[in-house]
Amino acid sequence: MAFSRPSSLPAMPTYRVMDSDGVIVDTKHEPSDVSTEEVITWYKNMLTVNIMDVIMFEAQRQGRLSFYMVSAGEEGIAFTISSPLATQLPQATGAAYAMKIQALQNPNTPAGVVACYFGEGAASEGDFHAALNMAATRSCPIVFICRNNGFAISTPTLEQYRGDGIASRGIGYGIDTIRVDGNDIFAVREATKEARRMALENGGRPILIEAMSYRVSHHSTSDDSFAYRARVEVEDWKRRDNPIIRLRKWLENKGAWNEELEQQTRADLRAAILKEFNAAEREKKPPLKDMFTDVYAELTEEQEAQREELRKHLEKYPNEYNINDHEDGLKGL
C-alpha cells in the first residue's frame, strides 16, 4: 500500500518561446507564421492597455470615475480585466455546451470554441470546479485561460493552495492542460492557437491553459498592494521582466524598434486615449431603466416593483442624485 505524495512529484513544466531578453530559446522554433508588422501591432496594443491603465488610475484619484482595475504585468495574456470573480465560468461552459448541441443538430453550423479568462483567485471559487467538471463530463468545446499573477487581491498563491498551481486541477478533472510563460506573448499565442484546434477535435473537449505572470500593479484603485508585499519585489519585477519589455527586446533584436519609435508611439497613444476619454466623459450615462433590463426577456414582478420603488425614491429626493446625467432623465425609468 502506498500513498501518493504531491511533494514527491515533479512540477508541471512551463512552456516558453523566448526568454526575458527577447531571445528565442530554440532557434528552430522561431515564430514564422506571423509577420513583424503584426507583432508590432500586438506591441502597440499592449502599450495602449498599459498607458490607459495609468490614465484611468489617475482619473479615479481625481474623482472622474469610481473604480478601475489595472492589467500591468499581464498585457500579454488578456489585455483588460474585470472585477466580478468567477461569475463567468459556469456560463462559459454552458455556452460551449449549447454550441455543441447546435452543431450536432445542424451540421452546417460553423464550429466554434468558447474562451474563458479568469485569475487564479477565481479558481478558489466553487463555480470554477463546477465549470471544469461539467465541461469535462460533457466534452464541451471551451478553452479555460487562467492568469496566475501571484495574488488574489491581497492573498498570495502560497496562502491560496498547496498543489501545483491551477494546472494540476485541470489534470484532476481529466482535462488536457498546459502551463505557459504569461510574459511571453509568443508562447501564449501558440498555446491558445493549439488549444482552440484541440478543443474542436472529435466533437469538442475542454482545454486548460495556466499562464504564469506577476501582477506589478495594485489589484484595483481600492487596493494598496504595498500593505501586503514589499515595494522592492514589485520594482524588481518591473525592471526585470514583463510582457512589454520582453516583446520590445525581441523587436529591437530584429531591428524593427528603437527608442525614438517608442517615445513617439507612447505620445501618440496617450493623446488618442485622452481624446476618447474626454469624449466619453461628455456622453450621457445609460438610461436608468438599463439597471433592470437584459436579464430576462420580460421584467419580473420583483423587477417591476424595484423599478417603481427606485422611481419614487428619486422623485422624493431629486436634489440628491444627478438624474439629468442619464439619458432621458427620470422619464427613462
C-alpha atoms as a PDB file:
ATOM      1  CA  MET A   1       0.000   0.000   0.000  1.00  0.00           C
ATOM      2  CA  ALA A   2       1.364   3.412  -0.972  1.00  0.00           C
ATOM      3  CA  PHE A   3       0.009   6.934  -0.719  1.00  0.00           C
ATOM      4  CA  SER A   4       0.862   9.401  -3.453  1.00  0.00           C
ATOM      5  CA  ARG A   5       2.618  12.474  -2.100  1.00  0.00           C
ATOM      6  CA  PRO A   6       2.342  15.618  -4.259  1.00  0.00           C
ATOM      7  CA  SER A   7       5.648  16.918  -2.932  1.00  0.00           C
ATOM      8  CA  SER A   8       7.444  13.907  -4.408  1.00  0.00           C
ATOM      9  CA  LEU A   9       6.136  14.580  -7.922  1.00  0.00           C
ATOM     10  CA  PRO A  10       7.797  16.991 -10.364  1.00  0.00           C
ATOM     11  CA  ALA A  11       6.081  20.305 -11.071  1.00  0.00           C
ATOM     12  CA  MET A  12       4.437  20.772 -14.463  1.00  0.00           C
ATOM     13  CA  PRO A  13       6.877  22.462 -16.862  1.00  0.00           C
ATOM     14  CA  THR A  14       6.271  25.969 -18.196  1.00  0.00           C
ATOM     15  CA  TYR A  15       6.252  26.382 -21.966  1.00  0.00           C
ATOM     16  CA  ARG A  16       8.083  29.390 -23.385  1.00  0.00           C
ATOM     17  CA  VAL A  17       9.285  30.529 -26.790  1.00  0.00           C
ATOM     18  CA  MET A  18      11.545  33.454 -25.852  1.00  0.00           C
ATOM     19  CA  ASP A  19      13.469  34.330 -22.705  1.00  0.00           C
ATOM     20  CA  SER A  20      13.390  37.544 -20.679  1.00  0.00           C
ATOM     21  CA  ASP A  21      15.906  39.137 -23.071  1.00  0.00           C
ATOM     22  CA  GLY A  22      13.636  38.607 -26.063  1.00  0.00           C
ATOM     23  CA  VAL A  23      15.813  35.816 -27.436  1.00  0.00           C
ATOM     24  CA  ILE A  24      14.170  32.714 -28.924  1.00  0.00           C
ATOM     25  CA  VAL A  25      15.141  29.799 -26.692  1.00  0.00           C
ATOM     26  CA  ASP A  26      15.046  27.309 -29.595  1.00  0.00           C
ATOM     27  CA  THR A  27      16.340  28.792 -32.849  1.00  0.00           C
ATOM     28  CA  LYS A  28      14.488  26.063 -34.759  1.00  0.00           C
ATOM     29  CA  HIS A  29      11.254  27.363 -33.248  1.00  0.00           C
ATOM     30  CA  GLU A  30      11.412  30.974 -34.472  1.00  0.00           C
ATOM     31  CA  PRO A  31       7.833  32.315 -34.941  1.00  0.00           C
ATOM     32  CA  SER A  32       7.309  32.045 -38.693  1.00  0.00           C
ATOM     33  CA  ASP A  33       3.546  32.260 -39.161  1.00  0.00           C
ATOM     34  CA  VAL A  34       3.315  35.913 -38.139  1.00  0.00           C
ATOM     35  CA  SER A  35       4.883  38.988 -39.735  1.00  0.00           C
ATOM     36  CA  THR A  36       6.972  41.545 -37.894  1.00  0.00           C
ATOM     37  CA  GLU A  37       4.327  44.146 -38.757  1.00  0.00           C
ATOM     38  CA  GLU A  38       1.669  42.100 -36.963  1.00  0.00           C
ATOM     39  CA  VAL A  39       3.924  41.699 -33.922  1.00  0.00           C
ATOM     40  CA  ILE A  40       4.344  45.479 -33.848  1.00  0.00           C
ATOM     41  CA  THR A  41       0.537  45.736 -33.782  1.00  0.00           C
ATOM     42  CA  TRP A  42       0.500  43.409 -30.754  1.00  0.00           C
ATOM     43  CA  TYR A  43       3.122  45.581 -29.099  1.00  0.00           C
ATOM     44  CA  LYS A  44       1.139  48.756 -29.713  1.00  0.00           C
ATOM     45  CA  ASN A  45      -1.982  47.080 -28.323  1.00  0.00           C
ATOM     46  CA  MET A  46      -0.125  46.169 -25.139  1.00  0.00           C
ATOM     47  CA  LEU A  47       1.252  49.700 -24.867  1.00  0.00           C
ATOM     48  CA  THR A  48      -2.291  51.035 -25.278  1.00  0.00           C
ATOM     49  CA  VAL A  49      -3.547  48.987 -22.331  1.00  0.00           C
ATOM     50  CA  ASN A  50      -0.524  49.970 -20.251  1.00  0.00           C
ATOM     51  CA  ILE A  51      -0.951  53.701 -20.915  1.00  0.00           C
ATOM     52  CA  MET A  52      -4.720  53.509 -20.487  1.00  0.00           C
ATOM     53  CA  ASP A  53      -4.214  51.922 -17.062  1.00  0.00           C
ATOM     54  CA  VAL A  54      -2.103  54.882 -15.903  1.00  0.00           C
ATOM     55  CA  ILE A  55      -4.624  57.425 -17.216  1.00  0.00           C
ATOM     56  CA  MET A  56      -7.628  55.634 -15.713  1.00  0.00           C
ATOM     57  CA  PHE A  57      -5.896  55.144 -12.361  1.00  0.00           C
ATOM     58  CA  GLU A  58      -5.127  58.862 -12.191  1.00  0.00           C
ATOM     59  CA  ALA A  59      -8.671  59.728 -13.314  1.00  0.00           C
ATOM     60  CA  GLN A  60     -10.111  57.652 -10.470  1.00  0.00           C
ATOM     61  CA  ARG A  61      -7.927  59.506  -7.987  1.00  0.00           C
ATOM     62  CA  GLN A  62      -9.323  62.749  -9.427  1.00  0.00           C
ATOM     63  CA  GLY A  63     -12.890  61.542  -8.836  1.00  0.00           C
ATOM     64  CA  ARG A  64     -13.659  61.279 -12.553  1.00  0.00           C
ATOM     65  CA  LEU A  65     -14.622  57.581 -12.277  1.00  0.00           C
ATOM     66  CA  SER A  66     -15.492  55.353  -9.358  1.00  0.00           C
ATOM     67  CA  PHE A  67     -13.453  52.178  -9.796  1.00  0.00           C
ATOM     68  CA  TYR A  68     -10.849  50.705 -12.112  1.00  0.00           C
ATOM     69  CA  MET A  69      -8.754  47.539 -12.366  1.00  0.00           C
ATOM     70  CA  VAL A  70      -5.335  47.598 -13.983  1.00  0.00           C
ATOM     71  CA  SER A  71      -3.562  44.969 -16.091  1.00  0.00           C
ATOM     72  CA  ALA A  72       0.090  45.951 -15.591  1.00  0.00           C
ATOM     73  CA  GLY A  73       2.337  42.916 -15.976  1.00  0.00           C
ATOM     74  CA  GLU A  74      -0.389  40.872 -17.664  1.00  0.00           C
ATOM     75  CA  GLU A  75      -0.684  42.644 -21.013  1.00  0.00           C
ATOM     76  CA  GLY A  76       0.489  39.525 -22.850  1.00  0.00           C
ATOM     77  CA  ILE A  77      -2.348  37.351 -21.545  1.00  0.00           C
ATOM     78  CA  ALA A  78      -5.727  39.137 -21.557  1.00  0.00           C
ATOM     79  CA  PHE A  79      -5.423  42.956 -22.062  1.00  0.00           C
ATOM     80  CA  THR A  80      -8.125  44.385 -19.934  1.00  0.00           C
ATOM     81  CA  ILE A  81      -9.656  42.620 -16.919  1.00  0.00           C
ATOM     82  CA  SER A  82     -12.832  42.982 -14.858  1.00  0.00           C
ATOM     83  CA  SER A  83     -13.796  42.775 -11.199  1.00  0.00           C
ATOM     84  CA  PRO A  84     -16.526  40.075 -10.786  1.00  0.00           C
ATOM     85  CA  LEU A  85     -14.893  36.896  -9.505  1.00  0.00           C
ATOM     86  CA  ALA A  86     -15.594  33.590 -11.320  1.00  0.00           C
ATOM     87  CA  THR A  87     -19.109  34.628 -12.315  1.00  0.00           C
ATOM     88  CA  GLN A  88     -18.470  33.825 -15.978  1.00  0.00           C
ATOM     89  CA  LEU A  89     -17.080  30.290 -15.586  1.00  0.00           C
ATOM     90  CA  PRO A  90     -20.263  28.144 -15.425  1.00  0.00           C
ATOM     91  CA  GLN A  91     -21.903  30.370 -18.037  1.00  0.00           C
ATOM     92  CA  ALA A  92     -18.943  29.846 -20.382  1.00  0.00           C
ATOM     93  CA  THR A  93     -19.264  26.085 -20.048  1.00  0.00           C
ATOM     94  CA  GLY A  94     -22.998  26.340 -20.650  1.00  0.00           C
ATOM     95  CA  ALA A  95     -22.416  28.423 -23.779  1.00  0.00           C
ATOM     96  CA  ALA A  96     -19.914  25.861 -25.047  1.00  0.00           C
ATOM     97  CA  TYR A  97     -22.358  23.030 -24.389  1.00  0.00           C
ATOM     98  CA  ALA A  98     -25.078  24.927 -26.261  1.00  0.00           C
ATOM     99  CA  MET A  99     -22.727  25.408 -29.216  1.00  0.00           C
ATOM    100  CA  LYS A 100     -22.005  21.680 -29.219  1.00  0.00           C
ATOM    101  CA  ILE A 101     -25.710  20.791 -29.241  1.00  0.00           C
ATOM    102  CA  GLN A 102     -26.376  23.277 -32.043  1.00  0.00           C
ATOM    103  CA  ALA A 103     -23.579  21.765 -34.107  1.00  0.00           C
ATOM    104  CA  LEU A 104     -24.993  18.269 -33.566  1.00  0.00           C
ATOM    105  CA  GLN A 105     -28.490  19.363 -34.572  1.00  0.00           C
ATOM    106  CA  ASN A 106     -27.295  21.317 -37.595  1.00  0.00           C
ATOM    107  CA  PRO A 107     -24.114  20.024 -39.265  1.00  0.00           C
ATOM    108  CA  ASN A 108     -23.943  23.249 -41.288  1.00  0.00           C
ATOM    109  CA  THR A 109     -23.410  25.313 -38.135  1.00  0.00           C
ATOM    110  CA  PRO A 110     -19.853  26.743 -38.119  1.00  0.00           C
ATOM    111  CA  ALA A 111     -17.665  25.153 -35.478  1.00  0.00           C
ATOM    112  CA  GLY A 112     -16.940  27.448 -32.552  1.00  0.00           C
ATOM    113  CA  VAL A 113     -14.999  27.499 -29.292  1.00  0.00           C
ATOM    114  CA  VAL A 114     -15.686  29.458 -26.100  1.00  0.00           C
ATOM    115  CA  ALA A 115     -12.720  31.202 -24.455  1.00  0.00           C
ATOM    116  CA  CYS A 116     -13.000  31.945 -20.731  1.00  0.00           C
ATOM    117  CA  TYR A 117     -10.436  34.140 -18.923  1.00  0.00           C
ATOM    118  CA  PHE A 118     -10.066  34.253 -15.136  1.00  0.00           C
ATOM    119  CA  GLY A 119      -7.454  34.723 -12.419  1.00  0.00           C
ATOM    120  CA  GLU A 120      -6.035  32.101 -10.110  1.00  0.00           C
ATOM    121  CA  GLY A 121      -8.089  33.609  -7.280  1.00  0.00           C
ATOM    122  CA  ALA A 122     -11.270  32.767  -9.174  1.00  0.00           C
ATOM    123  CA  ALA A 123     -10.113  29.141  -9.208  1.00  0.00           C
ATOM    124  CA  SER A 124     -10.728  29.086  -5.446  1.00  0.00           C
ATOM    125  CA  GLU A 125     -14.433  29.640  -6.050  1.00  0.00           C
ATOM    126  CA  GLY A 126     -16.879  26.751  -6.311  1.00  0.00           C
ATOM    127  CA  ASP A 127     -18.001  27.979  -9.726  1.00  0.00           C
ATOM    128  CA  PHE A 128     -14.561  27.086 -11.102  1.00  0.00           C
ATOM    129  CA  HIS A 129     -14.878  23.444 -10.112  1.00  0.00           C
ATOM    130  CA  ALA A 130     -18.463  23.159 -11.314  1.00  0.00           C
ATOM    131  CA  ALA A 131     -17.491  24.653 -14.674  1.00  0.00           C
ATOM    132  CA  LEU A 132     -14.490  22.394 -15.237  1.00  0.00           C
ATOM    133  CA  ASN A 133     -16.303  19.239 -14.195  1.00  0.00           C
ATOM    134  CA  MET A 134     -19.290  19.960 -16.430  1.00  0.00           C
ATOM    135  CA  ALA A 135     -17.001  20.846 -19.343  1.00  0.00           C
ATOM    136  CA  ALA A 136     -15.074  17.601 -18.882  1.00  0.00           C
ATOM    137  CA  THR A 137     -18.063  15.289 -18.497  1.00  0.00           C
ATOM    138  CA  ARG A 138     -19.963  16.904 -21.393  1.00  0.00           C
ATOM    139  CA  SER A 139     -16.906  17.307 -23.627  1.00  0.00           C
ATOM    140  CA  CYS A 140     -17.587  20.983 -24.223  1.00  0.00           C
ATOM    141  CA  PRO A 141     -15.524  22.952 -26.775  1.00  0.00           C
ATOM    142  CA  ILE A 142     -14.048  25.505 -24.381  1.00  0.00           C
ATOM    143  CA  VAL A 143     -10.596  26.900 -23.615  1.00  0.00           C
ATOM    144  CA  PHE A 144     -10.117  27.958 -19.991  1.00  0.00           C
ATOM    145  CA  ILE A 145      -7.332  30.548 -19.713  1.00  0.00           C
ATOM    146  CA  CYS A 146      -6.126  31.184 -16.168  1.00  0.00           C
ATOM    147  CA  ARG A 147      -3.971  34.237 -15.442  1.00  0.00           C
ATOM    148  CA  ASN A 148      -1.873  33.186 -12.460  1.00  0.00           C
ATOM    149  CA  ASN A 149      -0.368  36.522 -11.430  1.00  0.00           C
ATOM    150  CA  GLY A 150       0.635  35.511  -7.915  1.00  0.00           C
ATOM    151  CA  PHE A 151      -2.097  37.294  -5.975  1.00  0.00           C
ATOM    152  CA  ALA A 152      -5.861  37.099  -5.465  1.00  0.00           C
ATOM    153  CA  ILE A 153      -6.419  40.685  -4.335  1.00  0.00           C
ATOM    154  CA  SER A 154      -4.206  40.644  -1.206  1.00  0.00           C
ATOM    155  CA  THR A 155      -3.776  36.877  -0.896  1.00  0.00           C
ATOM    156  CA  PRO A 156      -0.569  35.384  -2.343  1.00  0.00           C
ATOM    157  CA  THR A 157      -0.678  31.989  -4.008  1.00  0.00           C
ATOM    158  CA  LEU A 158       1.115  30.382  -1.052  1.00  0.00           C
ATOM    159  CA  GLU A 159      -1.991  31.076   1.008  1.00  0.00           C
ATOM    160  CA  GLN A 160      -4.416  30.044  -1.742  1.00  0.00           C
ATOM    161  CA  TYR A 161      -3.358  26.470  -2.441  1.00  0.00           C
ATOM    162  CA  ARG A 162      -0.745  23.809  -1.759  1.00  0.00           C
ATOM    163  CA  GLY A 163      -0.984  21.925  -5.039  1.00  0.00           C
ATOM    164  CA  ASP A 164       0.930  22.509  -8.277  1.00  0.00           C
ATOM    165  CA  GLY A 165      -0.816  25.710  -9.276  1.00  0.00           C
ATOM    166  CA  ILE A 166      -4.051  25.682 -11.223  1.00  0.00           C
ATOM    167  CA  ALA A 167      -2.773  23.376 -13.960  1.00  0.00           C
ATOM    168  CA  SER A 168      -2.885  20.350 -11.658  1.00  0.00           C
ATOM    169  CA  ARG A 169      -6.617  20.894 -11.193  1.00  0.00           C
ATOM    170  CA  GLY A 170      -7.210  20.581 -14.914  1.00  0.00           C
ATOM    171  CA  ILE A 171      -5.398  17.242 -14.868  1.00  0.00           C
ATOM    172  CA  GLY A 172      -7.533  16.185 -11.909  1.00  0.00           C
ATOM    173  CA  TYR A 173     -10.694  16.808 -13.921  1.00  0.00           C
ATOM    174  CA  GLY A 174      -9.368  14.874 -16.902  1.00  0.00           C
ATOM    175  CA  ILE A 175      -8.760  17.998 -18.987  1.00  0.00           C
ATOM    176  CA  ASP A 176      -5.804  18.453 -21.343  1.00  0.00           C
ATOM    177  CA  THR A 177      -3.692  21.150 -19.709  1.00  0.00           C
ATOM    178  CA  ILE A 178      -0.627  23.266 -20.427  1.00  0.00           C
ATOM    179  CA  ARG A 179       1.297  25.819 -18.358  1.00  0.00           C
ATOM    180  CA  VAL A 180       2.852  28.695 -20.278  1.00  0.00           C
ATOM    181  CA  ASP A 181       5.040  31.706 -19.548  1.00  0.00           C
ATOM    182  CA  GLY A 182       2.470  34.514 -19.476  1.00  0.00           C
ATOM    183  CA  ASN A 183       5.158  37.140 -20.058  1.00  0.00           C
ATOM    184  CA  ASP A 184       5.945  35.508 -23.406  1.00  0.00           C
ATOM    185  CA  ILE A 185       3.267  36.556 -25.879  1.00  0.00           C
ATOM    186  CA  PHE A 186       4.563  34.096 -28.481  1.00  0.00           C
ATOM    187  CA  ALA A 187       4.092  31.204 -26.055  1.00  0.00           C
ATOM    188  CA  VAL A 188       0.619  32.424 -25.071  1.00  0.00           C
ATOM    189  CA  ARG A 189      -0.377  32.747 -28.729  1.00  0.00           C
ATOM    190  CA  GLU A 190       0.939  29.308 -29.706  1.00  0.00           C
ATOM    191  CA  ALA A 191      -0.692  27.608 -26.739  1.00  0.00           C
ATOM    192  CA  THR A 192      -4.033  29.339 -27.329  1.00  0.00           C
ATOM    193  CA  LYS A 193      -3.975  28.568 -31.041  1.00  0.00           C
ATOM    194  CA  GLU A 194      -3.254  24.888 -30.431  1.00  0.00           C
ATOM    195  CA  ALA A 195      -5.802  24.747 -27.596  1.00  0.00           C
ATOM    196  CA  ARG A 196      -8.502  26.022 -29.948  1.00  0.00           C
ATOM    197  CA  ARG A 197      -7.616  23.338 -32.500  1.00  0.00           C
ATOM    198  CA  MET A 198      -7.715  20.620 -29.858  1.00  0.00           C
ATOM    199  CA  ALA A 199     -10.998  21.905 -28.396  1.00  0.00           C
ATOM    200  CA  LEU A 200     -12.695  21.312 -31.748  1.00  0.00           C
ATOM    201  CA  GLU A 201     -11.440  17.748 -32.200  1.00  0.00           C
ATOM    202  CA  ASN A 202     -13.894  14.853 -32.162  1.00  0.00           C
ATOM    203  CA  GLY A 203     -16.943  16.975 -31.453  1.00  0.00           C
ATOM    204  CA  GLY A 204     -15.354  19.100 -28.758  1.00  0.00           C
ATOM    205  CA  ARG A 205     -13.435  18.917 -25.493  1.00  0.00           C
ATOM    206  CA  PRO A 206     -12.189  21.376 -22.849  1.00  0.00           C
ATOM    207  CA  ILE A 207      -8.603  22.640 -22.604  1.00  0.00           C
ATOM    208  CA  LEU A 208      -6.976  24.493 -19.702  1.00  0.00           C
ATOM    209  CA  ILE A 209      -4.133  26.995 -20.084  1.00  0.00           C
ATOM    210  CA  GLU A 210      -2.384  28.337 -16.998  1.00  0.00           C
ATOM    211  CA  ALA A 211      -0.405  31.466 -17.904  1.00  0.00           C
ATOM    212  CA  MET A 212       2.175  32.375 -15.268  1.00  0.00           C
ATOM    213  CA  SER A 213       2.824  36.065 -14.665  1.00  0.00           C
ATOM    214  CA  TYR A 214       3.207  38.662 -11.920  1.00  0.00           C
ATOM    215  CA  ARG A 215       0.827  41.479 -11.040  1.00  0.00           C
ATOM    216  CA  VAL A 216       3.090  44.514 -10.787  1.00  0.00           C
ATOM    217  CA  SER A 217       0.196  46.903 -10.164  1.00  0.00           C
ATOM    218  CA  HIS A 218      -2.231  47.287  -7.304  1.00  0.00           C
ATOM    219  CA  HIS A 219      -5.200  44.956  -7.650  1.00  0.00           C
ATOM    220  CA  SER A 220      -7.511  47.901  -8.244  1.00  0.00           C
ATOM    221  CA  THR A 221      -7.971  51.541  -7.335  1.00  0.00           C
ATOM    222  CA  SER A 222      -9.320  50.298  -3.976  1.00  0.00           C
ATOM    223  CA  ASP A 223      -6.121  48.430  -3.140  1.00  0.00           C
ATOM    224  CA  ASP A 224      -2.700  49.329  -1.723  1.00  0.00           C
ATOM    225  CA  SER A 225      -0.593  46.286  -2.527  1.00  0.00           C
ATOM    226  CA  PHE A 226       2.395  47.590  -0.552  1.00  0.00           C
ATOM    227  CA  ALA A 227       0.437  46.767   2.576  1.00  0.00           C
ATOM    228  CA  TYR A 228       0.986  43.059   1.905  1.00  0.00           C
ATOM    229  CA  ARG A 229       4.088  42.834  -0.297  1.00  0.00           C
ATOM    230  CA  ALA A 230       7.489  44.521  -0.433  1.00  0.00           C
ATOM    231  CA  ARG A 231       7.894  47.500  -2.745  1.00  0.00           C
ATOM    232  CA  VAL A 232      11.352  46.238  -3.761  1.00  0.00           C
ATOM    233  CA  GLU A 233       9.784  42.990  -5.011  1.00  0.00           C
ATOM    234  CA  VAL A 234       7.414  44.882  -7.295  1.00  0.00           C
ATOM    235  CA  GLU A 235      10.119  47.222  -8.577  1.00  0.00           C
ATOM    236  CA  ASP A 236      12.355  44.237  -9.295  1.00  0.00           C
ATOM    237  CA  TRP A 237       9.660  42.635 -11.468  1.00  0.00           C
ATOM    238  CA  LYS A 238       9.027  45.909 -13.288  1.00  0.00           C
ATOM    239  CA  ARG A 239      12.706  46.201 -14.092  1.00  0.00           C
ATOM    240  CA  ARG A 240      13.428  42.550 -14.721  1.00  0.00           C
ATOM    241  CA  ASP A 241      10.612  41.156 -16.818  1.00  0.00           C
ATOM    242  CA  ASN A 242       7.130  41.827 -18.148  1.00  0.00           C
ATOM    243  CA  PRO A 243       5.371  41.145 -21.482  1.00  0.00           C
ATOM    244  CA  ILE A 244       6.012  44.622 -22.867  1.00  0.00           C
ATOM    245  CA  ILE A 245       9.725  44.727 -22.064  1.00  0.00           C
ATOM    246  CA  ARG A 246      10.264  41.229 -23.408  1.00  0.00           C
ATOM    247  CA  LEU A 247       8.496  41.847 -26.723  1.00  0.00           C
ATOM    248  CA  ARG A 248      10.235  45.211 -27.137  1.00  0.00           C
ATOM    249  CA  LYS A 249      13.606  43.474 -26.779  1.00  0.00           C
ATOM    250  CA  TRP A 250      12.594  40.949 -29.452  1.00  0.00           C
ATOM    251  CA  LEU A 251      11.614  43.770 -31.814  1.00  0.00           C
ATOM    252  CA  GLU A 252      14.830  45.649 -31.095  1.00  0.00           C
ATOM    253  CA  ASN A 253      16.843  42.498 -31.748  1.00  0.00           C
ATOM    254  CA  LYS A 254      15.080  42.342 -35.113  1.00  0.00           C
ATOM    255  CA  GLY A 255      15.936  45.971 -35.846  1.00  0.00           C
ATOM    256  CA  ALA A 256      12.201  46.761 -36.012  1.00  0.00           C
ATOM    257  CA  TRP A 257      12.008  49.069 -32.980  1.00  0.00           C
ATOM    258  CA  ASN A 258      14.040  51.776 -31.271  1.00  0.00           C
ATOM    259  CA  GLU A 259      13.818  54.456 -28.584  1.00  0.00           C
ATOM    260  CA  GLU A 260      12.594  57.136 -30.994  1.00  0.00           C
ATOM    261  CA  LEU A 261       9.697  54.937 -32.145  1.00  0.00           C
ATOM    262  CA  GLU A 262       8.948  54.069 -28.535  1.00  0.00           C
ATOM    263  CA  GLN A 263       8.645  57.666 -27.377  1.00  0.00           C
ATOM    264  CA  GLN A 264       6.624  58.775 -30.421  1.00  0.00           C
ATOM    265  CA  THR A 265       4.241  55.822 -30.162  1.00  0.00           C
ATOM    266  CA  ARG A 266       3.680  56.381 -26.451  1.00  0.00           C
ATOM    267  CA  ALA A 267       2.944  60.064 -27.046  1.00  0.00           C
ATOM    268  CA  ASP A 268       0.512  59.284 -29.878  1.00  0.00           C
ATOM    269  CA  LEU A 269      -1.285  56.596 -27.877  1.00  0.00           C
ATOM    270  CA  ARG A 270      -1.609  58.797 -24.803  1.00  0.00           C
ATOM    271  CA  ALA A 271      -3.095  61.604 -26.887  1.00  0.00           C
ATOM    272  CA  ALA A 272      -5.564  59.216 -28.561  1.00  0.00           C
ATOM    273  CA  ILE A 273      -6.656  57.685 -25.253  1.00  0.00           C
ATOM    274  CA  LEU A 274      -7.151  61.093 -23.620  1.00  0.00           C
ATOM    275  CA  LYS A 275      -9.200  62.225 -26.618  1.00  0.00           C
ATOM    276  CA  GLU A 276     -11.507  59.205 -26.306  1.00  0.00           C
ATOM    277  CA  PHE A 277     -11.706  59.559 -22.531  1.00  0.00           C
ATOM    278  CA  ASN A 278     -12.678  63.210 -22.735  1.00  0.00           C
ATOM    279  CA  ALA A 279     -15.301  62.408 -25.386  1.00  0.00           C
ATOM    280  CA  ALA A 280     -16.712  59.626 -23.203  1.00  0.00           C
ATOM    281  CA  GLU A 281     -16.979  61.985 -20.234  1.00  0.00           C
ATOM    282  CA  ARG A 282     -19.231  64.270 -22.280  1.00  0.00           C
ATOM    283  CA  GLU A 283     -21.592  61.413 -23.158  1.00  0.00           C
ATOM    284  CA  LYS A 284     -24.818  60.904 -21.244  1.00  0.00           C
ATOM    285  CA  LYS A 285     -24.896  57.940 -18.896  1.00  0.00           C
ATOM    286  CA  PRO A 286     -27.139  54.997 -19.918  1.00  0.00           C
ATOM    287  CA  PRO A 287     -30.882  55.229 -19.152  1.00  0.00           C
ATOM    288  CA  LEU A 288     -31.771  54.299 -15.574  1.00  0.00           C
ATOM    289  CA  LYS A 289     -34.019  51.519 -16.860  1.00  0.00           C
ATOM    290  CA  ASP A 290     -30.930  49.661 -18.081  1.00  0.00           C
ATOM    291  CA  MET A 291     -30.330  48.566 -14.492  1.00  0.00           C
ATOM    292  CA  PHE A 292     -33.319  46.248 -14.840  1.00  0.00           C
ATOM    293  CA  THR A 293     -33.178  45.068 -18.453  1.00  0.00           C
ATOM    294  CA  ASP A 294     -31.074  42.428 -20.270  1.00  0.00           C
ATOM    295  CA  VAL A 295     -31.572  39.819 -17.555  1.00  0.00           C
ATOM    296  CA  TYR A 296     -34.911  38.337 -18.587  1.00  0.00           C
ATOM    297  CA  ALA A 297     -36.860  38.773 -21.821  1.00  0.00           C
ATOM    298  CA  GLU A 298     -39.633  40.416 -19.782  1.00  0.00           C
ATOM    299  CA  LEU A 299     -39.260  42.155 -16.435  1.00  0.00           C
ATOM    300  CA  THR A 300     -40.343  40.004 -13.499  1.00  0.00           C
ATOM    301  CA  GLU A 301     -42.830  41.228 -10.898  1.00  0.00           C
ATOM    302  CA  GLU A 302     -39.954  41.758  -8.481  1.00  0.00           C
ATOM    303  CA  GLN A 303     -38.049  43.848 -11.007  1.00  0.00           C
ATOM    304  CA  GLU A 304     -41.105  45.937 -11.788  1.00  0.00           C
ATOM    305  CA  ALA A 305     -41.585  46.572  -8.076  1.00  0.00           C
ATOM    306  CA  GLN A 306     -37.937  47.503  -7.646  1.00  0.00           C
ATOM    307  CA  ARG A 307     -38.042  49.880 -10.598  1.00  0.00           C
ATOM    308  CA  GLU A 308     -41.151  51.580  -9.215  1.00  0.00           C
ATOM    309  CA  GLU A 309     -39.532  51.856  -5.800  1.00  0.00           C
ATOM    310  CA  LEU A 310     -36.458  53.478  -7.354  1.00  0.00           C
ATOM    311  CA  ARG A 311     -38.591  55.931  -9.331  1.00  0.00           C
ATOM    312  CA  LYS A 312     -40.457  57.030  -6.203  1.00  0.00           C
ATOM    313  CA  HIS A 313     -37.210  57.383  -4.284  1.00  0.00           C
ATOM    314  CA  LEU A 314     -35.678  59.613  -6.972  1.00  0.00           C
ATOM    315  CA  GLU A 315     -38.845  61.717  -7.152  1.00  0.00           C
ATOM    316  CA  LYS A 316     -38.737  62.189  -3.382  1.00  0.00           C
ATOM    317  CA  TYR A 317     -35.052  63.192  -3.304  1.00  0.00           C
ATOM    318  CA  PRO A 318     -34.414  64.898  -6.672  1.00  0.00           C
ATOM    319  CA  ASN A 319     -31.554  67.045  -5.378  1.00  0.00           C
ATOM    320  CA  GLU A 320     -29.542  64.097  -4.089  1.00  0.00           C
ATOM    321  CA  TYR A 321     -28.911  62.490  -7.480  1.00  0.00           C
ATOM    322  CA  ASN A 322     -27.640  63.734 -10.848  1.00  0.00           C
ATOM    323  CA  ILE A 323     -30.569  62.258 -12.740  1.00  0.00           C
ATOM    324  CA  ASN A 324     -30.100  64.539 -15.724  1.00  0.00           C
ATOM    325  CA  ASP A 325     -26.705  62.977 -16.357  1.00  0.00           C
ATOM    326  CA  HIS A 326     -28.595  59.925 -17.630  1.00  0.00           C
ATOM    327  CA  GLU A 327     -30.322  59.598 -20.986  1.00  0.00           C
ATOM    328  CA  ASP A 328     -33.998  60.578 -20.708  1.00  0.00           C
ATOM    329  CA  GLY A 329     -33.528  61.524 -17.040  1.00  0.00           C
ATOM    330  CA  LEU A 330     -36.291  60.238 -14.801  1.00  0.00           C
ATOM    331  CA  LYS A 331     -38.524  59.681 -17.817  1.00  0.00           C
ATOM    332  CA  GLY A 332     -36.246  56.877 -18.866  1.00  0.00           C
ATOM    333  CA  LEU A 333     -37.187  54.927 -15.790  1.00  0.00           C
END
